Protein backbone atom coordinates (compact mmCIF):
# COMPACT_ATOMS: atom_id res chain seq x y z
CA MET A 1 10.15 68.43 62.13
CA GLY A 2 13.69 68.91 61.53
CA ASP A 3 16.66 69.71 64.17
CA ARG A 4 17.16 73.90 64.36
CA PRO A 5 20.26 74.19 63.50
CA TYR A 6 22.48 76.26 65.84
CA PRO A 7 25.06 78.76 65.13
CA SER A 8 28.49 77.22 65.64
CA SER A 9 30.23 78.38 68.86
CA ASN A 10 33.27 79.79 66.52
CA ARG A 11 31.42 82.40 64.51
CA ASN A 12 32.87 85.44 65.31
CA ALA A 13 36.69 83.58 65.98
CA ASN A 14 37.63 85.39 62.66
CA GLY A 15 35.69 88.22 63.15
CA ALA A 16 37.45 89.23 65.87
CA ARG A 17 39.15 92.88 66.57
CA THR A 18 42.01 93.15 67.82
CA LEU A 19 42.89 96.99 69.62
CA ASN A 20 46.65 98.16 69.01
CA GLY A 21 48.00 94.81 68.13
CA GLY A 22 47.39 93.45 71.59
CA GLY A 23 45.81 90.29 72.74
CA ALA A 24 42.99 91.65 73.84
CA THR A 25 39.91 91.82 71.60
CA THR A 26 36.14 92.99 72.01
CA ASN A 27 33.19 91.23 72.11
CA GLY A 28 33.84 88.15 73.60
CA GLY A 29 37.05 86.89 72.17
CA SER A 30 39.83 85.31 73.53
CA GLY A 31 41.84 88.12 75.27
CA GLY A 32 39.17 88.22 77.59
CA PRO A 33 36.68 90.50 79.42
CA PRO A 34 36.95 93.85 77.75
CA PRO A 35 38.26 96.76 80.62
CA PHE A 36 36.54 98.31 82.63
CA PRO A 37 36.52 102.60 82.41
CA PRO A 38 39.22 103.81 85.00
CA ALA A 39 37.62 105.23 88.36
CA LYS A 40 36.88 109.10 88.79
CA ALA A 41 39.75 109.22 91.20
CA GLN A 42 42.36 108.26 88.84
CA GLN A 43 41.24 110.32 85.97
CA TYR A 44 41.25 113.43 88.30
CA SER A 45 44.63 112.30 89.83
CA ALA A 46 47.31 113.03 86.70
CA THR A 47 46.07 116.33 85.89
CA ARG A 48 44.27 117.84 89.73
CA GLN A 49 47.28 119.34 91.45
CA LEU A 50 47.26 119.08 95.53
CA TYR A 51 45.85 121.80 97.61
CA ARG A 52 48.25 123.88 99.35
CA PRO A 53 47.41 127.43 101.15
CA LEU A 54 49.01 130.29 100.05
CA PRO A 55 51.85 131.72 102.92
CA PRO A 56 50.15 134.99 104.23
CA GLN A 57 50.70 137.79 102.28
CA PRO A 58 53.09 141.00 103.38
CA PRO A 59 50.41 144.43 104.60
CA ALA A 60 50.31 147.02 101.48
CA ARG A 61 52.75 149.50 101.53
CA GLY A 62 50.13 152.20 101.39
CA ARG A 63 48.22 150.85 103.91
CA ARG A 64 51.53 150.97 106.07
CA ARG A 65 52.53 154.57 104.83
CA GLY A 66 49.40 155.42 105.88
CA CYS A 67 49.42 154.49 109.23
CA CYS A 68 52.84 156.28 109.71
CA CYS A 69 51.52 159.37 108.11
CA ALA A 70 48.77 159.48 110.99
CA CYS A 71 51.02 159.35 113.99
CA CYS A 72 52.99 161.68 112.62
CA LEU A 73 50.17 164.08 112.75
CA TRP A 74 49.12 163.22 115.76
CA LEU A 75 52.30 163.61 116.90
CA THR A 76 53.41 167.40 115.41
CA LEU A 77 49.33 168.41 116.88
CA LEU A 78 50.32 167.67 120.22
CA LEU A 79 53.61 168.83 120.28
CA ILE A 80 51.96 172.31 118.67
CA ALA A 81 49.00 172.12 121.38
CA LEU A 82 52.18 171.87 124.14
CA ILE A 83 53.96 174.66 122.98
CA PHE A 84 50.62 176.89 122.86
CA LEU A 85 49.78 176.29 126.21
CA ALA A 86 53.04 176.63 127.45
CA ALA A 87 52.73 180.42 125.49
CA ILE A 88 50.17 180.74 127.76
CA ALA A 89 51.92 179.78 130.93
CA ALA A 90 54.85 182.10 130.35
CA GLY A 91 52.44 184.86 129.52
CA ILE A 92 50.09 184.53 132.08
CA PHE A 93 52.81 184.34 134.66
CA TYR A 94 54.60 187.41 133.12
CA VAL A 95 51.45 189.93 133.43
CA LEU A 96 51.34 188.67 137.27
CA TYR A 97 54.82 188.68 138.18
CA HIS A 98 56.93 190.74 135.81
CA PRO A 99 60.03 188.84 136.40
CA GLN A 100 63.55 190.33 136.02
CA ARG A 101 67.48 189.67 135.65
CA PRO A 102 69.27 190.72 138.49
CA SER A 103 71.92 192.77 138.66
CA PHE A 104 75.44 193.09 139.76
CA SER A 105 78.14 195.82 140.28
CA VAL A 106 81.47 196.12 141.26
CA GLU A 107 81.50 198.61 143.98
CA SER A 108 85.35 198.27 144.82
CA LEU A 109 88.46 196.62 143.54
CA ARG A 110 92.23 197.16 145.31
CA LEU A 111 95.01 195.38 143.83
CA SER A 112 97.18 194.86 147.02
CA ALA A 113 99.85 192.75 145.35
CA LEU A 114 101.05 191.59 142.62
CA ASN A 115 104.39 189.80 142.53
CA ILE A 116 106.32 187.45 139.29
CA THR A 117 109.23 186.00 140.05
CA SER A 118 112.39 184.85 138.11
CA SER A 119 110.83 181.51 137.74
CA ASN A 120 107.78 182.90 136.45
CA LEU A 121 105.76 182.35 139.74
CA LEU A 122 102.46 184.91 140.62
CA THR A 123 101.77 186.05 143.81
CA SER A 124 98.45 188.62 143.81
CA ARG A 125 96.11 189.14 146.04
CA ILE A 126 92.38 191.57 145.24
CA ASP A 127 90.32 192.87 147.85
CA LEU A 128 86.97 193.03 145.64
CA THR A 129 83.92 194.47 146.96
CA VAL A 130 80.27 193.53 144.56
CA SER A 131 76.62 194.31 144.86
CA ALA A 132 73.76 192.30 143.91
CA ARG A 133 70.70 193.86 143.50
CA ASN A 134 66.82 192.61 143.35
CA PRO A 135 64.59 194.12 141.30
CA ASN A 136 61.18 191.87 141.91
CA ARG A 137 58.66 192.83 144.23
CA LYS A 138 57.37 188.95 143.82
CA VAL A 139 60.37 187.14 143.22
CA VAL A 140 63.66 185.98 146.08
CA PHE A 141 66.70 184.88 144.49
CA LEU A 142 68.70 181.78 145.63
CA TYR A 143 72.31 181.88 145.07
CA ASP A 144 74.89 178.79 145.38
CA ASP A 145 78.27 179.47 146.37
CA VAL A 146 79.84 182.23 143.37
CA ALA A 147 83.18 181.37 142.03
CA ILE A 148 85.22 184.71 141.13
CA SER A 149 88.12 184.31 138.87
CA ALA A 150 90.23 187.47 138.08
CA TYR A 151 91.96 188.27 134.32
CA SER A 152 94.45 190.48 133.35
CA ASN A 153 94.22 190.55 129.54
CA GLY A 154 93.45 186.89 129.51
CA VAL A 155 95.84 185.94 131.94
CA GLY A 156 93.91 184.54 135.05
CA ILE A 157 95.47 186.51 138.43
CA GLY A 158 93.61 185.11 140.98
CA GLU A 159 90.52 183.42 142.18
CA GLY A 160 88.12 183.36 145.44
CA SER A 161 84.09 182.89 146.23
CA PHE A 162 81.40 184.44 147.62
CA PRO A 163 79.66 182.45 150.16
CA ALA A 164 75.83 181.25 148.69
CA PHE A 165 72.87 183.25 149.91
CA VAL A 166 69.35 184.73 149.65
CA GLN A 167 68.36 188.13 148.23
CA ALA A 168 64.89 188.80 149.56
CA THR A 169 62.19 191.01 146.99
CA GLU A 170 63.79 194.74 146.10
CA ASN A 171 66.95 194.16 147.87
CA THR A 172 70.72 195.06 147.39
CA THR A 173 73.09 192.79 148.86
CA VAL A 174 76.62 193.48 149.36
CA LEU A 175 79.34 191.13 148.74
CA LYS A 176 83.10 190.78 149.82
CA ALA A 177 85.68 188.35 149.39
CA THR A 178 89.81 187.92 148.66
CA VAL A 179 90.74 187.18 145.09
CA SER A 180 94.14 185.79 145.82
CA SER A 181 96.85 183.39 143.72
CA SER A 182 99.61 181.45 145.53
CA ARG A 183 102.81 180.85 143.34
CA ARG A 184 100.74 180.33 140.31
CA SER A 185 103.14 179.26 137.47
CA LEU A 186 102.61 181.14 134.04
CA GLU A 187 103.83 180.94 130.92
CA PRO A 188 107.61 182.78 129.88
CA GLY A 189 105.43 185.42 127.52
CA GLU A 190 102.78 185.81 130.17
CA ALA A 191 105.24 186.20 132.81
CA GLU A 192 107.13 188.96 130.48
CA ASP A 193 103.67 190.59 129.62
CA LEU A 194 102.30 191.32 133.05
CA THR A 195 106.42 191.92 134.41
CA LYS A 196 106.21 195.30 131.79
CA ARG A 197 103.00 196.71 133.00
CA LYS A 198 102.37 199.40 135.42
CA LYS A 199 98.66 199.60 134.83
CA PHE A 200 96.52 196.45 134.68
CA SER A 201 93.20 196.17 132.78
CA LEU A 202 91.47 193.95 134.97
CA GLU A 203 88.19 191.74 134.40
CA ILE A 204 86.24 189.71 136.76
CA ASP A 205 84.02 186.57 135.92
CA LEU A 206 81.61 185.78 138.67
CA GLU A 207 79.90 181.87 138.20
CA THR A 208 76.84 180.55 139.94
CA LYS A 209 73.36 178.53 139.90
CA ALA A 210 70.62 180.37 140.97
CA GLY A 211 66.81 179.64 141.48
CA VAL A 212 64.11 181.63 142.18
CA LYS A 213 60.91 181.57 144.59
CA ILE A 214 57.86 182.45 144.28
CA GLY A 215 55.46 182.09 147.52
CA GLY A 216 56.02 178.13 148.48
CA PHE A 217 57.23 177.88 144.83
CA LYS A 218 61.30 176.96 144.20
CA SER A 219 62.73 176.72 140.65
CA LYS A 220 65.48 174.50 139.82
CA ARG A 221 68.45 176.52 139.81
CA ILE A 222 70.08 176.91 136.39
CA GLY A 223 73.88 178.75 135.93
CA ILE A 224 74.30 182.28 135.74
CA ARG A 225 77.81 183.79 134.28
CA VAL A 226 78.51 187.52 135.60
CA LEU A 227 81.21 189.51 133.49
CA CYS A 228 82.65 192.81 134.85
CA GLU A 229 84.91 194.48 132.52
CA GLY A 230 86.49 198.37 132.09
CA ILE A 231 88.30 197.76 135.31
CA GLU A 232 92.00 199.21 135.30
CA GLY A 233 94.29 199.26 138.42
CA ARG A 234 97.48 199.27 139.42
CA VAL A 235 99.90 198.42 142.24
CA ALA A 236 101.66 201.51 144.49
CA LYS A 237 104.79 200.11 145.74
CA GLY A 238 104.88 201.25 149.95
CA ASN A 239 101.33 202.84 149.79
CA PRO A 240 99.07 200.01 149.75
CA ALA A 241 96.09 203.11 150.34
CA ALA A 242 97.09 204.00 146.76
CA ALA A 243 96.35 200.86 145.52
CA ALA A 244 92.93 201.68 145.49
CA THR A 245 91.51 201.59 142.02
CA SER A 246 88.00 203.26 141.18
CA PRO A 247 85.23 200.76 138.92
CA ALA A 248 83.48 203.50 137.80
CA ASN A 249 84.10 202.50 134.30
CA ALA A 250 83.21 198.89 135.31
CA ARG A 251 80.23 197.38 133.26
CA CYS A 252 78.89 193.85 134.08
CA GLN A 253 77.09 191.79 132.07
CA VAL A 254 74.65 188.78 133.22
CA LYS A 255 73.90 185.92 131.35
CA LEU A 256 72.02 182.62 131.77
CA ARG A 257 73.63 179.31 131.07
CA ILE A 258 71.28 176.57 130.09
CA LYS A 259 72.41 172.98 129.85
CA ILE A 260 70.73 170.97 127.64
CA TRP A 261 72.29 167.32 127.69
CA ASN A 262 76.05 168.09 127.04
CA TRP A 263 75.41 171.40 125.51
CA THR A 264 75.47 174.97 127.28
CA PHE A 265 73.99 177.96 125.74
């Protein structure tokens, strides 16, 4: 038998294909073994983004508005309920006790002196008697000291006070005091106006605080102002008895003064 010819080891040397003009060849060419495909991690690393957690999202505006509306609704309902309960309590209190305001009247007023010096200094004296009446059957009034101010056409001519007192139910209390002024300085126009007058129009202003007592309950004291107008008087020279003034036309109005924060009503 003859020798079997073997193909030459350089058979595919000339048939090798080059890729991209480089030295690497396929099918066992002289450029070395073929490259392996890239790993999966390398394939995805170029296109896959890193995971980043999203920041917390703020609550929706609609939910916030809903909470505000619910709070406003509950507050409104609570306020209405409190007003309703207060009205019921006030109605029950009025039916049971039928409270009434106290009344005041000027019983007598004597203008004993009203002198003005050349330097516009005023000296005056007024003897005043006022009666306070409590018309209630079950309500007792508790009064603080009562401040008295006397005016003539808007000009202050004297000051005084009544002491604090407790007024029982269905009771009339008579209060006496001296209202005076000692060398009080006046404006030139005020002094001239008072000097020309022989008959004076007088106003008496009373200010105090009072509370009520019903059984064992005592309320907080509130301000009371009593303004008495329609009083006329004159100073009789040499005859003090003639200085007595009849307060038949006097009218006294009682007003409550309620203070809330910095406002007085």
